[in-house]
Amino acid sequence: MIVAIASGKGGTGKTSLAVNLARTLERIHAMPVQLLDCDVEEPNAHLFLAGTPLGEETINIAVPDFDPEKCDACDKCVEFCQFNALASVGKTPLLFPELCHGCGGCTLVCPQDAIREKDYRIGVIKTARAGSITLKSGCLDVGVSLASTLVHALKERQEDGITTLLDAPPGTACQAVATLRGSDFVVLVTEPTPFGLHDLTLAVDTVRALDLRFGVVINRVGVGDDRVQRYCAAEDIPILLEIPDDRRVAEAYSRGELIVDALPDYREHFAQLWHNIEHHAALEVAA
């Protein structure tokens, strides 16, 4: 099963939930797990799952390379590019590689066959092993805007037949949608505040538009009110887990420790979370 952990905004505890759920599946359920950190602009799951590095793979896309002897400056490639990665300057178009999506369309429309392709690095994928948890982290290069492209590359490298957790980027932008697509279930993490509820509604609209099964985890219960619970009840959204506003959790987090390692009384909560995920996923399939 592929489970995505997502949120409408940053700072709700999404990554913390993902790494603690991975540890729970490894230790309590004794199953191998792969965790994909798809927050490629700011990956941080490795801070909590310190393991043995297994390698690093450079991810490239193909960008156009112009032959000045063949190019007649017809600008058909410039007109074709929907991402404004090409500009008509001088005898050959000017390429902005950080904007290119590597679609290859410019090569196809060039009537002079003046375009070849070359590799352009957008980031790396790092792999590490912590016990029976395999962590793959996408790391986008500074100044590159192709987060969704790197997310796709990361997901292409997941192993089949293994329980997979996807730590999604916060929000509902393209890279978040790229992460969520193809998931069997989505866990939306929020907090009981007006801001938390506002962004939760955006995330709910997104997963419903993608026709994905989902439930909600409310973190730091006690800092706000019950507006999230009332919203979920009105929208018939299952609440999978409520995590209290516990200073011990914040202290463990600040030390880079997993909650289920530092606070054994939370292990049953995360075990119940996985049970609830399986239960609601099965209900949706049966329906």
C-alpha atoms as a PDB file:
ATOM      1  CA  MET A   1       0.000   0.000   0.000  1.00  0.00           C
ATOM      2  CA  ILE A   2       1.157   3.530  -0.825  1.00  0.00           C
ATOM      3  CA  VAL A   3       0.212   6.093   1.819  1.00  0.00           C
ATOM      4  CA  ALA A   4       0.915   9.796   1.321  1.00  0.00           C
ATOM      5  CA  ILE A   5       1.327  12.060   4.342  1.00  0.00           C
ATOM      6  CA  ALA A   6       0.300  15.582   3.350  1.00  0.00           C
ATOM      7  CA  SER A   7      -0.828  18.915   4.765  1.00  0.00           C
ATOM      8  CA  GLY A   8      -2.365  22.143   3.600  1.00  0.00           C
ATOM      9  CA  LYS A   9       0.493  24.148   5.082  1.00  0.00           C
ATOM     10  CA  GLY A  10       3.930  23.690   6.585  1.00  0.00           C
ATOM     11  CA  GLY A  11       4.584  23.236  10.285  1.00  0.00           C
ATOM     12  CA  THR A  12       1.703  20.909  11.116  1.00  0.00           C
ATOM     13  CA  GLY A  13       3.930  17.924  11.971  1.00  0.00           C
ATOM     14  CA  LYS A  14       3.643  16.099   8.655  1.00  0.00           C
ATOM     15  CA  THR A  15       7.238  14.873   8.458  1.00  0.00           C
ATOM     16  CA  SER A  16       7.261  13.983  12.146  1.00  0.00           C
ATOM     17  CA  LEU A  17       4.178  11.839  11.601  1.00  0.00           C
ATOM     18  CA  ALA A  18       5.713  10.171   8.530  1.00  0.00           C
ATOM     19  CA  VAL A  19       8.985   9.150  10.197  1.00  0.00           C
ATOM     20  CA  ASN A  20       7.265   7.941  13.368  1.00  0.00           C
ATOM     21  CA  LEU A  21       4.773   5.911  11.357  1.00  0.00           C
ATOM     22  CA  ALA A  22       7.663   4.366   9.413  1.00  0.00           C
ATOM     23  CA  ARG A  23       9.382   3.382  12.677  1.00  0.00           C
ATOM     24  CA  THR A  24       6.125   1.940  14.016  1.00  0.00           C
ATOM     25  CA  LEU A  25       5.624  -0.247  10.951  1.00  0.00           C
ATOM     26  CA  GLU A  26       9.216  -1.447  11.197  1.00  0.00           C
ATOM     27  CA  ARG A  27       9.240  -2.279  14.904  1.00  0.00           C
ATOM     28  CA  ILE A  28       5.678  -3.164  15.869  1.00  0.00           C
ATOM     29  CA  HIS A  29       4.454  -4.665  12.611  1.00  0.00           C
ATOM     30  CA  ALA A  30       7.900  -6.035  11.657  1.00  0.00           C
ATOM     31  CA  MET A  31       7.524  -5.066   8.004  1.00  0.00           C
ATOM     32  CA  PRO A  32      10.028  -3.486   5.623  1.00  0.00           C
ATOM     33  CA  VAL A  33       9.113   0.084   4.778  1.00  0.00           C
ATOM     34  CA  GLN A  34      10.255   2.589   2.201  1.00  0.00           C
ATOM     35  CA  LEU A  35       9.867   6.275   2.967  1.00  0.00           C
ATOM     36  CA  LEU A  36      10.138   8.729   0.099  1.00  0.00           C
ATOM     37  CA  ASP A  37      10.838  12.312   1.149  1.00  0.00           C
ATOM     38  CA  CYS A  38       9.103  14.156  -1.679  1.00  0.00           C
ATOM     39  CA  ASP A  39       9.524  17.580  -0.113  1.00  0.00           C
ATOM     40  CA  VAL A  40      12.416  18.032  -2.520  1.00  0.00           C
ATOM     41  CA  GLU A  41      12.955  21.732  -1.824  1.00  0.00           C
ATOM     42  CA  GLU A  42      13.496  21.150   1.899  1.00  0.00           C
ATOM     43  CA  PRO A  43      13.874  17.411   2.635  1.00  0.00           C
ATOM     44  CA  ASN A  44      14.403  16.709   6.327  1.00  0.00           C
ATOM     45  CA  ALA A  45      13.261  13.155   7.072  1.00  0.00           C
ATOM     46  CA  HIS A  46      16.943  12.157   7.226  1.00  0.00           C
ATOM     47  CA  LEU A  47      17.345  14.277  10.362  1.00  0.00           C
ATOM     48  CA  PHE A  48      15.165  11.792  12.255  1.00  0.00           C
ATOM     49  CA  LEU A  49      16.104   8.554  10.473  1.00  0.00           C
ATOM     50  CA  ALA A  50      19.873   8.581  10.649  1.00  0.00           C
ATOM     51  CA  GLY A  51      20.954   5.501   8.728  1.00  0.00           C
ATOM     52  CA  THR A  52      23.645   4.083   6.501  1.00  0.00           C
ATOM     53  CA  PRO A  53      24.052   5.976   3.207  1.00  0.00           C
ATOM     54  CA  LEU A  54      23.603   3.664   0.219  1.00  0.00           C
ATOM     55  CA  GLY A  55      24.274   6.051  -2.621  1.00  0.00           C
ATOM     56  CA  GLU A  56      23.404   9.218  -4.466  1.00  0.00           C
ATOM     57  CA  GLU A  57      22.030   9.501  -7.989  1.00  0.00           C
ATOM     58  CA  THR A  58      22.193  12.645 -10.094  1.00  0.00           C
ATOM     59  CA  ILE A  59      18.938  13.501 -11.862  1.00  0.00           C
ATOM     60  CA  ASN A  60      19.137  15.269 -15.214  1.00  0.00           C
ATOM     61  CA  ILE A  61      16.662  16.469 -17.783  1.00  0.00           C
ATOM     62  CA  ALA A  62      17.303  16.936 -21.493  1.00  0.00           C
ATOM     63  CA  VAL A  63      17.511  20.591 -22.549  1.00  0.00           C
ATOM     64  CA  PRO A  64      18.030  21.984 -26.086  1.00  0.00           C
ATOM     65  CA  ASP A  65      21.482  22.618 -27.515  1.00  0.00           C
ATOM     66  CA  PHE A  66      21.457  24.763 -30.681  1.00  0.00           C
ATOM     67  CA  ASP A  67      23.657  24.323 -33.739  1.00  0.00           C
ATOM     68  CA  PRO A  68      24.440  27.885 -34.903  1.00  0.00           C
ATOM     69  CA  GLU A  69      25.341  26.604 -38.370  1.00  0.00           C
ATOM     70  CA  LYS A  70      21.838  25.212 -38.933  1.00  0.00           C
ATOM     71  CA  CYS A  71      19.644  27.586 -36.926  1.00  0.00           C
ATOM     72  CA  ASP A  72      18.031  30.309 -39.076  1.00  0.00           C
ATOM     73  CA  ALA A  73      16.347  32.112 -36.149  1.00  0.00           C
ATOM     74  CA  CYS A  74      12.826  31.226 -37.293  1.00  0.00           C
ATOM     75  CA  ASP A  75      11.719  31.255 -33.611  1.00  0.00           C
ATOM     76  CA  LYS A  76       9.344  28.319 -33.994  1.00  0.00           C
ATOM     77  CA  CYS A  77      10.900  26.751 -30.891  1.00  0.00           C
ATOM     78  CA  VAL A  78      10.477  30.006 -28.949  1.00  0.00           C
ATOM     79  CA  GLU A  79       6.809  30.210 -29.924  1.00  0.00           C
ATOM     80  CA  PHE A  80       6.265  26.566 -28.982  1.00  0.00           C
ATOM     81  CA  CYS A  81       7.770  26.714 -25.486  1.00  0.00           C
ATOM     82  CA  GLN A  82       4.976  27.164 -22.939  1.00  0.00           C
ATOM     83  CA  PHE A  83       7.412  27.633 -20.057  1.00  0.00           C
ATOM     84  CA  ASN A  84       9.233  30.682 -21.469  1.00  0.00           C
ATOM     85  CA  ALA A  85      12.512  28.810 -21.309  1.00  0.00           C
ATOM     86  CA  LEU A  86      13.537  30.172 -24.719  1.00  0.00           C
ATOM     87  CA  ALA A  87      13.927  33.776 -25.831  1.00  0.00           C
ATOM     88  CA  SER A  88      14.618  35.202 -29.277  1.00  0.00           C
ATOM     89  CA  VAL A  89      18.020  36.852 -28.866  1.00  0.00           C
ATOM     90  CA  GLY A  90      20.570  37.032 -31.671  1.00  0.00           C
ATOM     91  CA  LYS A  91      21.162  34.287 -34.212  1.00  0.00           C
ATOM     92  CA  THR A  92      20.166  31.418 -31.924  1.00  0.00           C
ATOM     93  CA  PRO A  93      17.540  31.389 -29.146  1.00  0.00           C
ATOM     94  CA  LEU A  94      18.665  32.025 -25.587  1.00  0.00           C
ATOM     95  CA  LEU A  95      17.983  29.134 -23.227  1.00  0.00           C
ATOM     96  CA  PHE A  96      17.011  29.540 -19.579  1.00  0.00           C
ATOM     97  CA  PRO A  97      17.695  25.951 -18.450  1.00  0.00           C
ATOM     98  CA  GLU A  98      16.214  26.436 -14.977  1.00  0.00           C
ATOM     99  CA  LEU A  99      12.810  26.989 -16.647  1.00  0.00           C
ATOM    100  CA  CYS A 100      13.027  24.140 -19.168  1.00  0.00           C
ATOM    101  CA  HIS A 101      10.850  21.099 -18.430  1.00  0.00           C
ATOM    102  CA  GLY A 102      12.696  18.811 -20.822  1.00  0.00           C
ATOM    103  CA  CYS A 103       9.620  18.009 -22.912  1.00  0.00           C
ATOM    104  CA  GLY A 104      11.585  17.906 -26.181  1.00  0.00           C
ATOM    105  CA  GLY A 105       8.918  19.832 -28.088  1.00  0.00           C
ATOM    106  CA  CYS A 106      11.357  22.420 -29.401  1.00  0.00           C
ATOM    107  CA  THR A 107      13.404  19.666 -31.018  1.00  0.00           C
ATOM    108  CA  LEU A 108      10.324  18.312 -32.777  1.00  0.00           C
ATOM    109  CA  VAL A 109       9.139  21.632 -34.202  1.00  0.00           C
ATOM    110  CA  CYS A 110      12.545  22.820 -35.473  1.00  0.00           C
ATOM    111  CA  PRO A 111      12.351  22.753 -39.320  1.00  0.00           C
ATOM    112  CA  GLN A 112      16.130  22.968 -39.694  1.00  0.00           C
ATOM    113  CA  ASP A 113      16.990  20.061 -37.385  1.00  0.00           C
ATOM    114  CA  ALA A 114      19.206  22.540 -35.536  1.00  0.00           C
ATOM    115  CA  ILE A 115      18.485  21.316 -32.005  1.00  0.00           C
ATOM    116  CA  ARG A 116      20.130  18.487 -30.159  1.00  0.00           C
ATOM    117  CA  GLU A 117      19.703  17.703 -26.485  1.00  0.00           C
ATOM    118  CA  LYS A 118      22.127  17.794 -23.586  1.00  0.00           C
ATOM    119  CA  ASP A 119      21.860  16.893 -19.914  1.00  0.00           C
ATOM    120  CA  TYR A 120      21.022  19.534 -17.339  1.00  0.00           C
ATOM    121  CA  ARG A 121      21.215  18.613 -13.680  1.00  0.00           C
ATOM    122  CA  ILE A 122      18.180  19.444 -11.524  1.00  0.00           C
ATOM    123  CA  GLY A 123      19.047  17.611  -8.298  1.00  0.00           C
ATOM    124  CA  VAL A 124      19.949  14.328  -6.653  1.00  0.00           C
ATOM    125  CA  ILE A 125      18.212  11.385  -5.014  1.00  0.00           C
ATOM    126  CA  LYS A 126      19.892  10.100  -1.868  1.00  0.00           C
ATOM    127  CA  THR A 127      19.244   6.611  -0.495  1.00  0.00           C
ATOM    128  CA  ALA A 128      19.895   5.448   3.058  1.00  0.00           C
ATOM    129  CA  ARG A 129      18.941   2.456   5.198  1.00  0.00           C
ATOM    130  CA  ALA A 130      17.865   2.686   8.843  1.00  0.00           C
ATOM    131  CA  GLY A 131      17.084  -0.807  10.071  1.00  0.00           C
ATOM    132  CA  SER A 132      14.463  -2.154   7.681  1.00  0.00           C
ATOM    133  CA  ILE A 133      13.451   1.355   6.593  1.00  0.00           C
ATOM    134  CA  THR A 134      14.716   2.493   3.200  1.00  0.00           C
ATOM    135  CA  LEU A 135      14.752   6.281   2.955  1.00  0.00           C
ATOM    136  CA  LYS A 136      14.931   7.966  -0.432  1.00  0.00           C
ATOM    137  CA  SER A 137      15.206  11.752  -0.402  1.00  0.00           C
ATOM    138  CA  GLY A 138      14.910  14.070  -3.379  1.00  0.00           C
ATOM    139  CA  CYS A 139      17.131  17.165  -3.136  1.00  0.00           C
ATOM    140  CA  LEU A 140      16.421  19.889  -5.699  1.00  0.00           C
ATOM    141  CA  ASP A 141      19.383  22.017  -6.738  1.00  0.00           C
ATOM    142  CA  VAL A 142      19.322  25.661  -5.636  1.00  0.00           C
ATOM    143  CA  GLY A 143      17.713  27.926  -8.236  1.00  0.00           C
ATOM    144  CA  VAL A 144      15.927  25.082 -10.057  1.00  0.00           C
ATOM    145  CA  SER A 145      12.130  25.295 -10.242  1.00  0.00           C
ATOM    146  CA  LEU A 146      11.408  21.730 -11.400  1.00  0.00           C
ATOM    147  CA  ALA A 147      10.250  20.261  -8.098  1.00  0.00           C
ATOM    148  CA  SER A 148       7.519  18.171  -9.736  1.00  0.00           C
ATOM    149  CA  THR A 149      10.004  16.655 -12.199  1.00  0.00           C
ATOM    150  CA  LEU A 150      12.246  15.514  -9.352  1.00  0.00           C
ATOM    151  CA  VAL A 151       9.232  14.159  -7.455  1.00  0.00           C
ATOM    152  CA  HIS A 152       8.314  12.041 -10.505  1.00  0.00           C
ATOM    153  CA  ALA A 153      11.899  10.743 -10.723  1.00  0.00           C
ATOM    154  CA  LEU A 154      11.847   9.883  -7.016  1.00  0.00           C
ATOM    155  CA  LYS A 155       8.562   7.983  -7.256  1.00  0.00           C
ATOM    156  CA  GLU A 156       9.808   6.048 -10.284  1.00  0.00           C
ATOM    157  CA  ARG A 157      12.522   4.602  -8.031  1.00  0.00           C
ATOM    158  CA  GLN A 158      10.236   3.136  -5.377  1.00  0.00           C
ATOM    159  CA  GLU A 159      10.250  -0.628  -5.030  1.00  0.00           C
ATOM    160  CA  ASP A 160       7.070  -2.539  -5.806  1.00  0.00           C
ATOM    161  CA  GLY A 161       5.489  -4.787  -3.206  1.00  0.00           C
ATOM    162  CA  ILE A 162       6.755  -2.850  -0.163  1.00  0.00           C
ATOM    163  CA  THR A 163       4.687  -0.625   2.097  1.00  0.00           C
ATOM    164  CA  THR A 164       5.493   2.905   0.964  1.00  0.00           C
ATOM    165  CA  LEU A 165       5.080   6.202   2.795  1.00  0.00           C
ATOM    166  CA  LEU A 166       5.317   9.449   0.830  1.00  0.00           C
ATOM    167  CA  ASP A 167       6.231  12.570   2.782  1.00  0.00           C
ATOM    168  CA  ALA A 168       4.577  15.171   0.552  1.00  0.00           C
ATOM    169  CA  PRO A 169       5.524  18.831   0.203  1.00  0.00           C
ATOM    170  CA  PRO A 170       3.210  21.121   2.203  1.00  0.00           C
ATOM    171  CA  GLY A 171       0.421  22.917   0.387  1.00  0.00           C
ATOM    172  CA  THR A 172      -1.475  22.112  -2.780  1.00  0.00           C
ATOM    173  CA  ALA A 173       0.938  23.210  -5.523  1.00  0.00           C
ATOM    174  CA  CYS A 174       2.096  21.066  -8.445  1.00  0.00           C
ATOM    175  CA  GLN A 175       4.766  19.163  -6.511  1.00  0.00           C
ATOM    176  CA  ALA A 176       2.221  18.188  -3.848  1.00  0.00           C
ATOM    177  CA  VAL A 177      -0.221  16.960  -6.496  1.00  0.00           C
ATOM    178  CA  ALA A 178       2.598  15.023  -8.201  1.00  0.00           C
ATOM    179  CA  THR A 179       3.307  13.303  -4.880  1.00  0.00           C
ATOM    180  CA  LEU A 180      -0.313  12.426  -4.119  1.00  0.00           C
ATOM    181  CA  ARG A 181      -1.205  10.953  -7.518  1.00  0.00           C
ATOM    182  CA  GLY A 182      -1.285   7.167  -7.477  1.00  0.00           C
ATOM    183  CA  SER A 183      -1.533   6.862  -3.681  1.00  0.00           C
ATOM    184  CA  ASP A 184      -3.846   4.311  -2.121  1.00  0.00           C
ATOM    185  CA  PHE A 185      -4.597   6.549   0.858  1.00  0.00           C
ATOM    186  CA  VAL A 186      -3.767  10.095   1.975  1.00  0.00           C
ATOM    187  CA  VAL A 187      -3.276  11.242   5.564  1.00  0.00           C
ATOM    188  CA  LEU A 188      -3.885  14.981   5.932  1.00  0.00           C
ATOM    189  CA  VAL A 189      -2.148  16.457   8.977  1.00  0.00           C
ATOM    190  CA  THR A 190      -3.552  19.647  10.470  1.00  0.00           C
ATOM    191  CA  GLU A 191      -3.762  21.629  13.699  1.00  0.00           C
ATOM    192  CA  PRO A 192      -6.849  22.965  15.527  1.00  0.00           C
ATOM    193  CA  THR A 193      -6.426  26.625  14.587  1.00  0.00           C
ATOM    194  CA  PRO A 194      -8.202  28.933  12.102  1.00  0.00           C
ATOM    195  CA  PHE A 195      -5.139  28.855   9.833  1.00  0.00           C
ATOM    196  CA  GLY A 196      -4.943  25.069  10.131  1.00  0.00           C
ATOM    197  CA  LEU A 197      -8.609  24.644   9.212  1.00  0.00           C
ATOM    198  CA  HIS A 198      -8.375  27.047   6.271  1.00  0.00           C
ATOM    199  CA  ASP A 199      -5.489  25.153   4.684  1.00  0.00           C
ATOM    200  CA  LEU A 200      -7.042  21.786   5.545  1.00  0.00           C
ATOM    201  CA  THR A 201     -10.070  22.694   3.425  1.00  0.00           C
ATOM    202  CA  LEU A 202      -7.765  23.431   0.493  1.00  0.00           C
ATOM    203  CA  ALA A 203      -6.026  20.076   0.933  1.00  0.00           C
ATOM    204  CA  VAL A 204      -9.375  18.275   1.177  1.00  0.00           C
ATOM    205  CA  ASP A 205     -10.536  19.917  -2.062  1.00  0.00           C
ATOM    206  CA  THR A 206      -7.317  18.749  -3.722  1.00  0.00           C
ATOM    207  CA  VAL A 207      -7.529  15.088  -2.685  1.00  0.00           C
ATOM    208  CA  ARG A 208     -11.211  15.000  -3.607  1.00  0.00           C
ATOM    209  CA  ALA A 209     -10.393  16.432  -7.043  1.00  0.00           C
ATOM    210  CA  LEU A 210      -7.817  13.634  -7.409  1.00  0.00           C
ATOM    211  CA  ASP A 211     -10.441  11.082  -6.263  1.00  0.00           C
ATOM    212  CA  LEU A 212      -8.208   9.746  -3.492  1.00  0.00           C
ATOM    213  CA  ARG A 213      -9.215   8.097  -0.225  1.00  0.00           C
ATOM    214  CA  PHE A 214      -8.155  10.095   2.827  1.00  0.00           C
ATOM    215  CA  GLY A 215      -8.451  10.828   6.531  1.00  0.00           C
ATOM    216  CA  VAL A 216      -7.235  13.491   8.955  1.00  0.00           C
ATOM    217  CA  VAL A 217      -4.740  13.573  11.822  1.00  0.00           C
ATOM    218  CA  ILE A 218      -5.091  16.530  14.200  1.00  0.00           C
ATOM    219  CA  ASN A 219      -1.801  17.496  15.806  1.00  0.00           C
ATOM    220  CA  ARG A 220      -1.284  19.636  18.919  1.00  0.00           C
ATOM    221  CA  VAL A 221      -4.832  19.171  20.151  1.00  0.00           C
ATOM    222  CA  GLY A 222      -5.454  21.642  22.939  1.00  0.00           C
ATOM    223  CA  VAL A 223      -3.848  24.741  21.439  1.00  0.00           C
ATOM    224  CA  GLY A 224      -7.027  25.849  19.675  1.00  0.00           C
ATOM    225  CA  ASP A 225     -10.669  24.812  19.594  1.00  0.00           C
ATOM    226  CA  ASP A 226     -12.843  22.083  18.087  1.00  0.00           C
ATOM    227  CA  ARG A 227     -13.469  23.724  14.702  1.00  0.00           C
ATOM    228  CA  VAL A 228     -11.466  21.041  12.842  1.00  0.00           C
ATOM    229  CA  GLN A 229     -13.410  18.244  14.526  1.00  0.00           C
ATOM    230  CA  ARG A 230     -16.688  19.956  13.637  1.00  0.00           C
ATOM    231  CA  TYR A 231     -15.585  20.436  10.031  1.00  0.00           C
ATOM    232  CA  CYS A 232     -14.601  16.762   9.702  1.00  0.00           C
ATOM    233  CA  ALA A 233     -17.915  15.657  11.183  1.00  0.00           C
ATOM    234  CA  ALA A 234     -19.867  17.882   8.788  1.00  0.00           C
ATOM    235  CA  GLU A 235     -17.845  16.648   5.793  1.00  0.00           C
ATOM    236  CA  ASP A 236     -17.908  12.985   6.893  1.00  0.00           C
ATOM    237  CA  ILE A 237     -14.100  12.844   7.028  1.00  0.00           C
ATOM    238  CA  PRO A 238     -12.606  10.218   9.357  1.00  0.00           C
ATOM    239  CA  ILE A 239     -10.282  11.483  12.093  1.00  0.00           C
ATOM    240  CA  LEU A 240      -7.517   8.884  12.223  1.00  0.00           C
ATOM    241  CA  LEU A 241      -5.629  10.200  15.256  1.00  0.00           C
ATOM    242  CA  GLU A 242      -5.532  13.155  17.636  1.00  0.00           C
ATOM    243  CA  ILE A 243      -2.101  14.019  19.051  1.00  0.00           C
ATOM    244  CA  PRO A 244      -2.197  16.207  22.184  1.00  0.00           C
ATOM    245  CA  ASP A 245      -0.165  19.378  22.643  1.00  0.00           C
ATOM    246  CA  ASP A 246       2.523  17.629  24.686  1.00  0.00           C
ATOM    247  CA  ARG A 247       5.704  19.463  25.712  1.00  0.00           C
ATOM    248  CA  ARG A 248       7.546  16.118  25.800  1.00  0.00           C
ATOM    249  CA  VAL A 249       6.878  15.681  22.078  1.00  0.00           C
ATOM    250  CA  ALA A 250       8.328  19.122  21.325  1.00  0.00           C
ATOM    251  CA  GLU A 251      11.405  18.376  23.429  1.00  0.00           C
ATOM    252  CA  ALA A 252      12.014  15.060  21.664  1.00  0.00           C
ATOM    253  CA  TYR A 253      11.567  16.788  18.298  1.00  0.00           C
ATOM    254  CA  SER A 254      14.091  19.489  19.219  1.00  0.00           C
ATOM    255  CA  ARG A 255      16.630  16.756  19.978  1.00  0.00           C
ATOM    256  CA  GLY A 256      15.989  15.086  16.623  1.00  0.00           C
ATOM    257  CA  GLU A 257      14.444  12.044  18.312  1.00  0.00           C
ATOM    258  CA  LEU A 258      11.478  10.024  17.136  1.00  0.00           C
ATOM    259  CA  ILE A 259       8.418  10.286  19.350  1.00  0.00           C
ATOM    260  CA  VAL A 260       7.920   6.518  19.464  1.00  0.00           C
ATOM    261  CA  ASP A 261      11.551   6.046  20.548  1.00  0.00           C
ATOM    262  CA  ALA A 262      11.642   8.789  23.184  1.00  0.00           C
ATOM    263  CA  LEU A 263       8.093   8.316  24.501  1.00  0.00           C
ATOM    264  CA  PRO A 264       7.043   4.645  24.548  1.00  0.00           C
ATOM    265  CA  ASP A 265       3.459   5.548  25.537  1.00  0.00           C
ATOM    266  CA  TYR A 266       2.965   6.957  22.018  1.00  0.00           C
ATOM    267  CA  ARG A 267       3.767   3.681  20.267  1.00  0.00           C
ATOM    268  CA  GLU A 268       0.247   2.387  20.657  1.00  0.00           C
ATOM    269  CA  HIS A 269      -1.151   5.632  19.220  1.00  0.00           C
ATOM    270  CA  PHE A 270       0.848   5.236  16.014  1.00  0.00           C
ATOM    271  CA  ALA A 271       0.013   1.534  15.831  1.00  0.00           C
ATOM    272  CA  GLN A 272      -3.659   2.499  16.071  1.00  0.00           C
ATOM    273  CA  LEU A 273      -3.123   5.105  13.365  1.00  0.00           C
ATOM    274  CA  TRP A 274      -1.933   2.432  10.945  1.00  0.00           C
ATOM    275  CA  HIS A 275      -4.880   0.214  11.908  1.00  0.00           C
ATOM    276  CA  ASN A 276      -7.250   3.108  11.175  1.00  0.00           C
ATOM    277  CA  ILE A 277      -5.596   3.765   7.818  1.00  0.00           C
ATOM    278  CA  GLU A 278      -5.975   0.126   6.793  1.00  0.00           C
ATOM    279  CA  HIS A 279      -9.563   0.065   8.081  1.00  0.00           C
ATOM    280  CA  HIS A 280     -10.739   3.142   6.188  1.00  0.00           C
ATOM    281  CA  ALA A 281      -8.829   2.203   3.038  1.00  0.00           C
ATOM    282  CA  ALA A 282     -10.571  -1.189   3.078  1.00  0.00           C
ATOM    283  CA  LEU A 283     -13.966   0.421   3.662  1.00  0.00           C
ATOM    284  CA  GLU A 284     -13.497   2.698   0.666  1.00  0.00           C
ATOM    285  CA  VAL A 285     -12.418  -0.180  -1.558  1.00  0.00           C
ATOM    286  CA  ALA A 286     -15.407  -2.267  -0.466  1.00  0.00           C
ATOM    287  CA  ALA A 287     -17.749   0.654  -1.129  1.00  0.00           C
END
